[in-house]
N, C-alpha and C. Protein backbone atom coordinates (compact mmCIF):
# COMPACT_ATOMS: atom_id res chain seq x y z
N UNK A 1 -114.81 36.22 -82.65
CA UNK A 1 -115.13 37.61 -82.48
C UNK A 1 -115.47 37.90 -81.02
N UNK A 2 -114.80 38.87 -80.44
CA UNK A 2 -115.02 39.22 -79.03
C UNK A 2 -116.34 39.97 -78.87
N UNK A 3 -117.02 39.65 -77.79
CA UNK A 3 -118.27 40.35 -77.53
C UNK A 3 -118.02 41.47 -76.53
N UNK A 4 -118.82 42.51 -76.65
CA UNK A 4 -118.72 43.63 -75.73
C UNK A 4 -119.74 43.42 -74.62
N UNK A 5 -119.29 43.43 -73.35
CA UNK A 5 -120.23 43.21 -72.25
C UNK A 5 -121.29 44.32 -72.20
N UNK A 6 -122.46 43.95 -71.75
CA UNK A 6 -123.57 44.89 -71.60
C UNK A 6 -123.65 45.32 -70.14
N UNK A 7 -123.82 46.62 -69.91
CA UNK A 7 -123.99 47.17 -68.57
C UNK A 7 -125.35 47.84 -68.52
N UNK A 8 -126.10 47.54 -67.49
CA UNK A 8 -127.41 48.16 -67.32
C UNK A 8 -127.31 49.26 -66.28
N UNK A 9 -127.87 50.42 -66.59
CA UNK A 9 -127.84 51.57 -65.67
C UNK A 9 -129.25 52.09 -65.51
N UNK A 10 -129.63 52.38 -64.29
CA UNK A 10 -130.95 52.97 -64.04
C UNK A 10 -130.80 54.48 -64.01
N UNK A 11 -131.63 55.15 -64.80
CA UNK A 11 -131.59 56.60 -64.88
C UNK A 11 -132.93 57.18 -64.47
N UNK A 12 -132.87 58.32 -63.83
CA UNK A 12 -134.11 59.04 -63.55
C UNK A 12 -134.71 59.44 -64.89
N UNK A 13 -136.04 59.51 -64.98
CA UNK A 13 -136.68 59.84 -66.26
C UNK A 13 -136.15 61.13 -66.91
N UNK A 14 -135.93 62.16 -66.10
CA UNK A 14 -135.43 63.43 -66.64
C UNK A 14 -134.05 63.26 -67.26
N UNK A 15 -133.19 62.51 -66.60
CA UNK A 15 -131.84 62.29 -67.12
C UNK A 15 -131.89 61.48 -68.40
N UNK A 16 -132.74 60.48 -68.44
CA UNK A 16 -132.88 59.68 -69.66
C UNK A 16 -133.36 60.55 -70.83
N UNK A 17 -134.32 61.42 -70.57
CA UNK A 17 -134.81 62.32 -71.62
C UNK A 17 -133.69 63.22 -72.13
N UNK A 18 -132.89 63.74 -71.22
CA UNK A 18 -131.78 64.61 -71.64
C UNK A 18 -130.75 63.83 -72.44
N UNK A 19 -130.49 62.60 -72.02
CA UNK A 19 -129.58 61.74 -72.76
C UNK A 19 -130.12 61.47 -74.16
N UNK A 20 -131.40 61.19 -74.25
CA UNK A 20 -132.02 60.95 -75.55
C UNK A 20 -131.93 62.18 -76.46
N UNK A 21 -132.15 63.36 -75.89
CA UNK A 21 -132.05 64.59 -76.70
C UNK A 21 -130.62 64.80 -77.21
N UNK A 22 -129.64 64.54 -76.35
CA UNK A 22 -128.25 64.66 -76.79
C UNK A 22 -127.94 63.66 -77.91
N UNK A 23 -128.39 62.44 -77.73
CA UNK A 23 -128.15 61.40 -78.74
C UNK A 23 -128.78 61.81 -80.07
N UNK A 24 -129.99 62.30 -80.02
CA UNK A 24 -130.68 62.71 -81.24
C UNK A 24 -129.95 63.87 -81.90
N UNK A 25 -129.53 64.84 -81.11
CA UNK A 25 -128.83 66.01 -81.65
C UNK A 25 -127.51 65.60 -82.32
N UNK A 26 -126.88 64.57 -81.78
CA UNK A 26 -125.60 64.10 -82.34
C UNK A 26 -125.79 63.02 -83.40
N UNK A 27 -127.03 62.62 -83.60
CA UNK A 27 -127.33 61.52 -84.52
C UNK A 27 -126.56 60.26 -84.14
N UNK A 28 -126.58 60.00 -82.84
CA UNK A 28 -125.91 58.82 -82.28
C UNK A 28 -126.91 58.07 -81.41
N UNK A 29 -126.55 56.87 -81.02
CA UNK A 29 -127.42 56.10 -80.13
C UNK A 29 -127.22 56.57 -78.69
N UNK A 30 -128.23 56.28 -77.88
CA UNK A 30 -128.14 56.58 -76.44
C UNK A 30 -126.91 55.87 -75.86
N UNK A 31 -126.69 54.64 -76.28
CA UNK A 31 -125.55 53.86 -75.79
C UNK A 31 -124.22 54.54 -76.12
N UNK A 32 -124.11 55.04 -77.34
CA UNK A 32 -122.86 55.69 -77.76
C UNK A 32 -122.59 56.93 -76.90
N UNK A 33 -123.61 57.76 -76.71
CA UNK A 33 -123.44 58.99 -75.94
C UNK A 33 -123.08 58.67 -74.49
N UNK A 34 -123.76 57.68 -73.91
CA UNK A 34 -123.47 57.29 -72.52
C UNK A 34 -122.06 56.73 -72.40
N UNK A 35 -121.65 55.91 -73.36
CA UNK A 35 -120.29 55.34 -73.34
C UNK A 35 -119.24 56.43 -73.42
N UNK A 36 -119.45 57.40 -74.29
CA UNK A 36 -118.49 58.50 -74.41
C UNK A 36 -118.43 59.33 -73.14
N UNK A 37 -119.57 59.56 -72.51
CA UNK A 37 -119.60 60.32 -71.25
C UNK A 37 -118.85 59.59 -70.15
N UNK A 38 -119.06 58.29 -70.06
CA UNK A 38 -118.36 57.48 -69.05
C UNK A 38 -116.87 57.44 -69.33
N UNK A 39 -116.51 57.29 -70.60
CA UNK A 39 -115.09 57.27 -70.99
C UNK A 39 -114.40 58.57 -70.56
N UNK A 40 -115.05 59.70 -70.83
CA UNK A 40 -114.49 61.01 -70.47
C UNK A 40 -114.40 61.17 -68.95
N UNK A 41 -115.43 60.71 -68.24
CA UNK A 41 -115.43 60.79 -66.77
C UNK A 41 -114.26 59.99 -66.19
N UNK A 42 -114.07 58.77 -66.68
CA UNK A 42 -112.98 57.93 -66.18
C UNK A 42 -111.63 58.58 -66.50
N UNK A 43 -111.47 59.09 -67.71
CA UNK A 43 -110.22 59.74 -68.10
C UNK A 43 -109.91 60.94 -67.20
N UNK A 44 -110.89 61.79 -66.99
CA UNK A 44 -110.69 62.98 -66.17
C UNK A 44 -110.45 62.62 -64.70
N UNK A 45 -111.11 61.58 -64.22
CA UNK A 45 -110.89 61.15 -62.84
C UNK A 45 -109.48 60.62 -62.66
N UNK A 46 -109.01 59.82 -63.60
CA UNK A 46 -107.63 59.31 -63.53
C UNK A 46 -106.63 60.46 -63.54
N UNK A 47 -106.89 61.43 -64.41
CA UNK A 47 -106.01 62.59 -64.51
C UNK A 47 -105.99 63.37 -63.18
N UNK A 48 -107.16 63.56 -62.59
CA UNK A 48 -107.24 64.29 -61.32
C UNK A 48 -106.54 63.54 -60.20
N UNK A 49 -106.70 62.21 -60.16
CA UNK A 49 -106.03 61.42 -59.13
C UNK A 49 -104.52 61.46 -59.29
N UNK A 50 -104.04 61.45 -60.53
CA UNK A 50 -102.60 61.55 -60.76
C UNK A 50 -102.07 62.90 -60.29
N UNK A 51 -102.83 63.96 -60.55
CA UNK A 51 -102.43 65.30 -60.08
C UNK A 51 -102.40 65.34 -58.56
N UNK A 52 -103.38 64.73 -57.92
CA UNK A 52 -103.41 64.70 -56.46
C UNK A 52 -102.23 63.90 -55.91
N UNK A 53 -101.90 62.79 -56.57
CA UNK A 53 -100.75 61.99 -56.15
C UNK A 53 -99.45 62.80 -56.23
N UNK A 54 -99.40 63.71 -57.20
CA UNK A 54 -98.22 64.58 -57.34
C UNK A 54 -98.33 65.83 -56.46
N UNK A 55 -99.41 65.88 -55.67
CA UNK A 55 -99.69 67.01 -54.79
C UNK A 55 -99.81 68.33 -55.55
N UNK A 56 -100.42 68.26 -56.71
CA UNK A 56 -100.67 69.45 -57.52
C UNK A 56 -102.08 69.96 -57.21
N UNK A 57 -102.16 70.83 -56.25
CA UNK A 57 -103.45 71.35 -55.82
C UNK A 57 -103.58 72.82 -56.17
N UNK A 58 -104.80 73.27 -56.31
CA UNK A 58 -105.06 74.69 -56.58
C UNK A 58 -104.70 75.50 -55.34
N UNK A 59 -104.17 76.67 -55.58
CA UNK A 59 -103.86 77.57 -54.46
C UNK A 59 -105.17 78.16 -53.94
N UNK A 60 -105.15 78.67 -52.72
CA UNK A 60 -106.37 79.32 -52.20
C UNK A 60 -106.83 80.46 -53.11
N UNK A 61 -105.90 81.18 -53.71
CA UNK A 61 -106.28 82.28 -54.61
C UNK A 61 -106.96 81.73 -55.88
N UNK A 62 -106.46 80.63 -56.41
CA UNK A 62 -107.10 80.01 -57.57
C UNK A 62 -108.54 79.61 -57.25
N UNK A 63 -108.74 79.02 -56.09
CA UNK A 63 -110.07 78.59 -55.67
C UNK A 63 -110.99 79.80 -55.53
N UNK A 64 -110.51 80.86 -54.91
CA UNK A 64 -111.32 82.08 -54.76
C UNK A 64 -111.72 82.65 -56.11
N UNK A 65 -110.78 82.68 -57.05
CA UNK A 65 -111.05 83.24 -58.38
C UNK A 65 -112.14 82.45 -59.10
N UNK A 66 -112.04 81.12 -59.07
CA UNK A 66 -113.04 80.29 -59.73
C UNK A 66 -114.39 80.40 -59.02
N UNK A 67 -114.36 80.40 -57.70
CA UNK A 67 -115.60 80.53 -56.94
C UNK A 67 -116.29 81.86 -57.25
N UNK A 68 -115.51 82.91 -57.31
CA UNK A 68 -116.08 84.23 -57.62
C UNK A 68 -116.69 84.23 -59.01
N UNK A 69 -116.01 83.61 -59.95
CA UNK A 69 -116.51 83.55 -61.33
C UNK A 69 -117.86 82.86 -61.39
N UNK A 70 -117.99 81.72 -60.71
CA UNK A 70 -119.20 80.90 -60.83
C UNK A 70 -120.31 81.30 -59.86
N UNK A 71 -120.04 82.20 -58.94
CA UNK A 71 -121.09 82.63 -58.01
C UNK A 71 -121.42 84.11 -58.16
N UNK A 72 -120.93 84.74 -59.21
CA UNK A 72 -121.23 86.15 -59.42
C UNK A 72 -122.72 86.32 -59.69
N UNK A 73 -123.28 87.49 -59.32
CA UNK A 73 -124.72 87.73 -59.57
C UNK A 73 -125.08 87.56 -61.05
N UNK A 74 -124.20 87.94 -61.93
CA UNK A 74 -124.44 87.80 -63.37
C UNK A 74 -124.60 86.33 -63.74
N UNK A 75 -123.74 85.47 -63.22
CA UNK A 75 -123.78 84.03 -63.50
C UNK A 75 -125.01 83.38 -62.87
N UNK A 76 -125.36 83.78 -61.65
CA UNK A 76 -126.50 83.17 -60.95
C UNK A 76 -127.79 83.37 -61.73
N UNK A 77 -127.93 84.46 -62.44
CA UNK A 77 -129.13 84.70 -63.22
C UNK A 77 -129.31 83.75 -64.37
N UNK A 78 -128.22 83.12 -64.82
CA UNK A 78 -128.25 82.18 -65.95
C UNK A 78 -128.49 80.74 -65.53
N UNK A 79 -128.44 80.46 -64.27
CA UNK A 79 -128.49 79.07 -63.80
C UNK A 79 -129.76 78.34 -64.19
N UNK A 80 -130.82 79.04 -64.45
CA UNK A 80 -132.09 78.38 -64.77
C UNK A 80 -132.20 78.27 -66.21
């Protein structure tokens, strides 16, 4: 039977608490939630690097549109 290697990660207390709350809400272990988050991060990073290799970049207008969406006064009020 193959064993799964253990990885130790140091987390700031606030981040660990948030991870624990997510795990509890999902009725999963902290390890499961962290593994899924890392898996998704690696997948999205690979996808982004492949897009960059194909020179698929956002146009200046696309960037302005997203920036405007996320920096609107309405959105800024929700940040807290």
